[in-house]
N, C-alpha and C. Protein backbone atom coordinates (compact mmCIF):
# COMPACT_ATOMS: atom_id res chain seq x y z
N UNK A 1 -12.47 3.97 -10.78
CA UNK A 1 -13.08 4.52 -9.13
C UNK A 1 -12.93 5.43 -8.46
N UNK A 2 -13.80 5.56 -7.71
CA UNK A 2 -14.18 6.55 -7.38
C UNK A 2 -12.92 7.49 -5.94
N UNK A 3 -12.38 8.45 -5.74
CA UNK A 3 -12.01 8.53 -4.81
C UNK A 3 -11.73 8.48 -4.18
N UNK A 4 -12.72 7.73 -3.34
CA UNK A 4 -13.59 7.75 -1.90
C UNK A 4 -13.10 6.31 -1.99
N UNK A 5 -12.48 5.51 -2.83
CA UNK A 5 -12.78 3.88 -3.55
C UNK A 5 -11.32 3.31 -3.19
N UNK A 6 -10.85 3.98 -4.12
CA UNK A 6 -9.01 4.66 -3.99
C UNK A 6 -8.68 5.34 -2.48
N UNK A 7 -9.22 5.79 -1.91
CA UNK A 7 -8.45 6.81 -0.95
C UNK A 7 -8.85 5.34 -0.09
N UNK A 8 -9.76 4.31 0.11
CA UNK A 8 -10.06 3.35 0.98
C UNK A 8 -8.95 2.38 0.69
N UNK A 9 -9.01 2.25 -0.60
CA UNK A 9 -7.87 0.70 -0.63
C UNK A 9 -6.45 1.02 -0.30
N UNK A 10 -6.54 2.60 -0.72
CA UNK A 10 -4.74 2.39 0.31
C UNK A 10 -4.04 2.62 1.36
N UNK A 11 -4.97 3.41 1.71
CA UNK A 11 -5.53 3.21 2.84
C UNK A 11 -5.01 1.42 3.87
N UNK A 12 -6.57 1.04 3.29
CA UNK A 12 -6.00 -0.84 4.14
C UNK A 12 -5.06 -1.36 3.48
N UNK A 13 -3.97 -1.15 2.31
CA UNK A 13 -2.64 -1.57 1.95
C UNK A 13 -1.49 -1.30 2.82
N UNK A 14 -1.81 0.04 3.40
CA UNK A 14 -0.64 1.36 3.95
C UNK A 14 -0.49 0.75 5.55
N UNK A 15 -1.85 0.52 6.20
CA UNK A 15 -1.75 0.81 7.27
C UNK A 15 -1.38 -1.71 7.20
N UNK A 16 -2.06 -2.41 6.19
CA UNK A 16 -1.04 -3.60 6.74
C UNK A 16 -0.24 -3.22 6.65
N UNK A 17 0.63 -3.27 5.69
CA UNK A 17 2.21 -2.82 5.67
C UNK A 17 2.68 -2.45 6.82
N UNK A 18 2.36 -1.57 7.53
CA UNK A 18 3.06 -1.50 8.81
C UNK A 18 3.01 -2.42 9.48
N UNK A 19 1.85 -2.84 9.97
CA UNK A 19 1.92 -3.85 10.67
C UNK A 19 2.77 -4.76 10.27
N UNK A 20 2.84 -5.02 8.84
CA UNK A 20 3.97 -6.89 8.63
C UNK A 20 5.51 -6.36 8.45
N UNK A 21 5.16 -4.83 8.49
CA UNK A 21 6.45 -4.44 8.71
C UNK A 21 7.07 -4.89 10.10
N UNK A 22 6.35 -4.28 10.70
CA UNK A 22 6.91 -4.79 12.32
C UNK A 22 7.28 -6.13 12.74
N UNK A 23 7.14 -7.40 11.69
CA UNK A 23 7.67 -8.51 12.15
C UNK A 23 8.82 -8.78 11.87
N UNK A 24 9.42 -10.18 12.15
CA UNK A 24 10.46 -9.67 12.45
C UNK A 24 10.45 -10.73 11.56
N UNK A 25 10.16 -11.81 10.44
CA UNK A 25 10.23 -12.32 8.67
C UNK A 25 10.29 -11.96 7.68
N UNK A 26 11.37 -12.25 7.34
CA UNK A 26 11.40 -11.36 5.68
C UNK A 26 10.14 -11.82 4.64
N UNK A 27 9.14 -12.60 4.73
CA UNK A 27 8.79 -12.74 3.78
C UNK A 27 7.57 -11.86 3.94
N UNK A 28 7.13 -11.16 5.96
CA UNK A 28 6.43 -10.24 5.87
C UNK A 28 6.59 -9.41 5.72
N UNK A 29 8.76 -8.59 5.84
CA UNK A 29 8.47 -7.43 4.96
C UNK A 29 8.68 -7.62 3.52
N UNK A 30 9.11 -8.66 2.54
CA UNK A 30 8.84 -7.98 2.07
C UNK A 30 7.42 -8.09 1.09
N UNK A 31 6.35 -9.01 1.98
CA UNK A 31 4.86 -8.96 1.59
C UNK A 31 4.54 -6.96 1.53
N UNK A 32 4.39 -6.64 2.75
CA UNK A 32 4.86 -4.74 3.11
C UNK A 32 5.76 -4.14 2.09
N UNK A 33 7.14 -4.71 1.10
CA UNK A 33 6.90 -4.05 0.65
C UNK A 33 6.18 -3.87 -0.99
N UNK A 34 6.18 -4.73 -0.83
CA UNK A 34 5.01 -5.13 -2.68
C UNK A 34 3.69 -4.41 -2.44
N UNK A 35 3.63 -4.56 -1.40
CA UNK A 35 1.76 -3.66 -0.71
C UNK A 35 1.92 -1.99 -1.17
N UNK A 36 3.38 -1.38 -0.58
CA UNK A 36 3.29 0.57 -0.67
C UNK A 36 4.17 0.49 -2.05
N UNK A 37 4.57 -0.26 -2.73
CA UNK A 37 5.08 -0.61 -3.76
C UNK A 37 3.91 0.11 -4.38
N UNK A 38 2.68 -0.95 -4.56
CA UNK A 38 1.08 -1.73 -5.34
C UNK A 38 0.04 0.66 -4.87
N UNK A 39 0.28 0.84 -3.14
CA UNK A 39 0.22 2.13 -2.92
C UNK A 39 0.64 2.77 -4.37
N UNK A 40 1.83 2.98 -4.20
CA UNK A 40 2.41 4.30 -4.87
C UNK A 40 1.59 3.95 -6.78
N UNK A 41 1.77 3.11 -6.82
CA UNK A 41 1.81 2.64 -8.60
C UNK A 41 -0.16 3.09 -8.30
N UNK A 42 -0.95 3.14 -7.29
CA UNK A 42 -2.00 3.23 -7.16
C UNK A 42 -2.10 4.58 -7.36
N UNK A 43 -2.02 5.10 -6.59
CA UNK A 43 -1.57 6.31 -6.65
C UNK A 43 -1.32 7.70 -7.30
N UNK A 44 -0.12 6.34 -8.59
CA UNK A 44 0.31 7.27 -9.75
C UNK A 44 -0.48 7.26 -10.73
N UNK A 45 -1.36 5.75 -10.87
CA UNK A 45 -2.42 6.13 -11.68
C UNK A 45 -3.50 6.40 -11.88
N UNK A 46 -3.94 6.29 -10.68
CA UNK A 46 -5.44 7.60 -10.42
C UNK A 46 -5.76 9.41 -9.97
N UNK A 47 -3.62 9.29 -9.97
CA UNK A 47 -4.05 10.82 -8.84
C UNK A 47 -2.44 11.86 -9.64
N UNK A 48 -2.18 10.52 -10.46
CA UNK A 48 -1.11 11.84 -11.29
C UNK A 48 0.37 11.81 -9.99
N UNK A 49 0.52 11.29 -8.91
CA UNK A 49 1.20 12.46 -8.25
C UNK A 49 2.08 10.46 -8.44
N UNK A 50 3.55 10.89 -7.45
CA UNK A 50 4.34 9.62 -8.01
C UNK A 50 4.46 8.81 -6.13
């Protein structure tokens, strides 16, 4: 995966999570949490970051 692809994917996940967190629905908040965890995993895997 190229750095540009990784940046694009993590950006989309982060923006989606931010939008979902504004909802009052607990399912949306849980999905947002899972999306943020995936961003962290991708960054750690491809960039060696936490």
